[in-house]
Amino acid sequence: MNIEEEIKKCEIFLKQIKQYDPDPFYVNYFFSKYINSIENIINGIFEEANTDFGLFISDKITQKKFNDKAKIKQDFNALKFSEWFSNKYEIEHKKPYPNFMNKIRQFKNMNEKLPEIKIMIRAIERYKDDWYQEIKVDLKNKKIISKEQLEIEMKRQTPIFLEIINKKRHDNEEPKVTKKKITSSAFLTLENEQKIEIMYLCQTYTPVIRRLLDESRDKIKEIKISIIK
């Protein structure tokens, strides 16, 4: 597997999500592919580690298969890397958006699909705990039929959206939102009713997986150097 190609795919899928946002069908399609690339990158890290530590796993590699083979061979350096990766992964995913991505990946792995995607009004300039408001428009095969209908529905809901978000902004001493500073985006909802903007989630997560890859490669080199010494 070429992990760098998977990183590039993540960047391409993000661009496609931006292009089609907020259409639920296309955002779902490209976000699903984005998550598949994330899975490939994580497995690819252990594929590289398999080669570097000489475990000789021949079938598709996961962290579990890596651990199992390392235990059989009693390769404590390989196990040391796997333990480091688990700790590093946990640290990286304590922040809100990486944590959201982790939960969405788990949901997709368990259910073989993403949570339902909805169209929401949001402020263009994002602030923590902002208010988002669902827009219901006619869909055909989960695709937006009419952009004109979307615009009409946005205009219809704008007054109540601005009233609610600006009350929250005022209470938090944040900038006021005007009708010229709103847009629509595709969101999904997790089990705790937390609404997650998909495009922004991918924007924030791509650097996380890049850093995890780079630091994993550095850690493998560090462990291998310590073996030589």
Foldseek 3Di string as FASTA:
>chain_A
DDLVVLLVLLVVLLVQQVVQFPQQVSVQVSLVSNLVSLQVNQQVLVVVVCVLLVLPDDDRGDLVVQVVSCVVVVVVLSVVLSVVLVVLLVVLCPDPLSVVSVQQSVVCVVPVGGAGKFKWKDFQDDDPPADIHTFDADDDVSGHPDVVRVVVSCVVCVVVSQVVRQVVCVVVVHDRGDPVGMDMGIWGADPVRDIGGSSVSSVVCSVSSVVSSVVSVVSSVVSVVVVVD
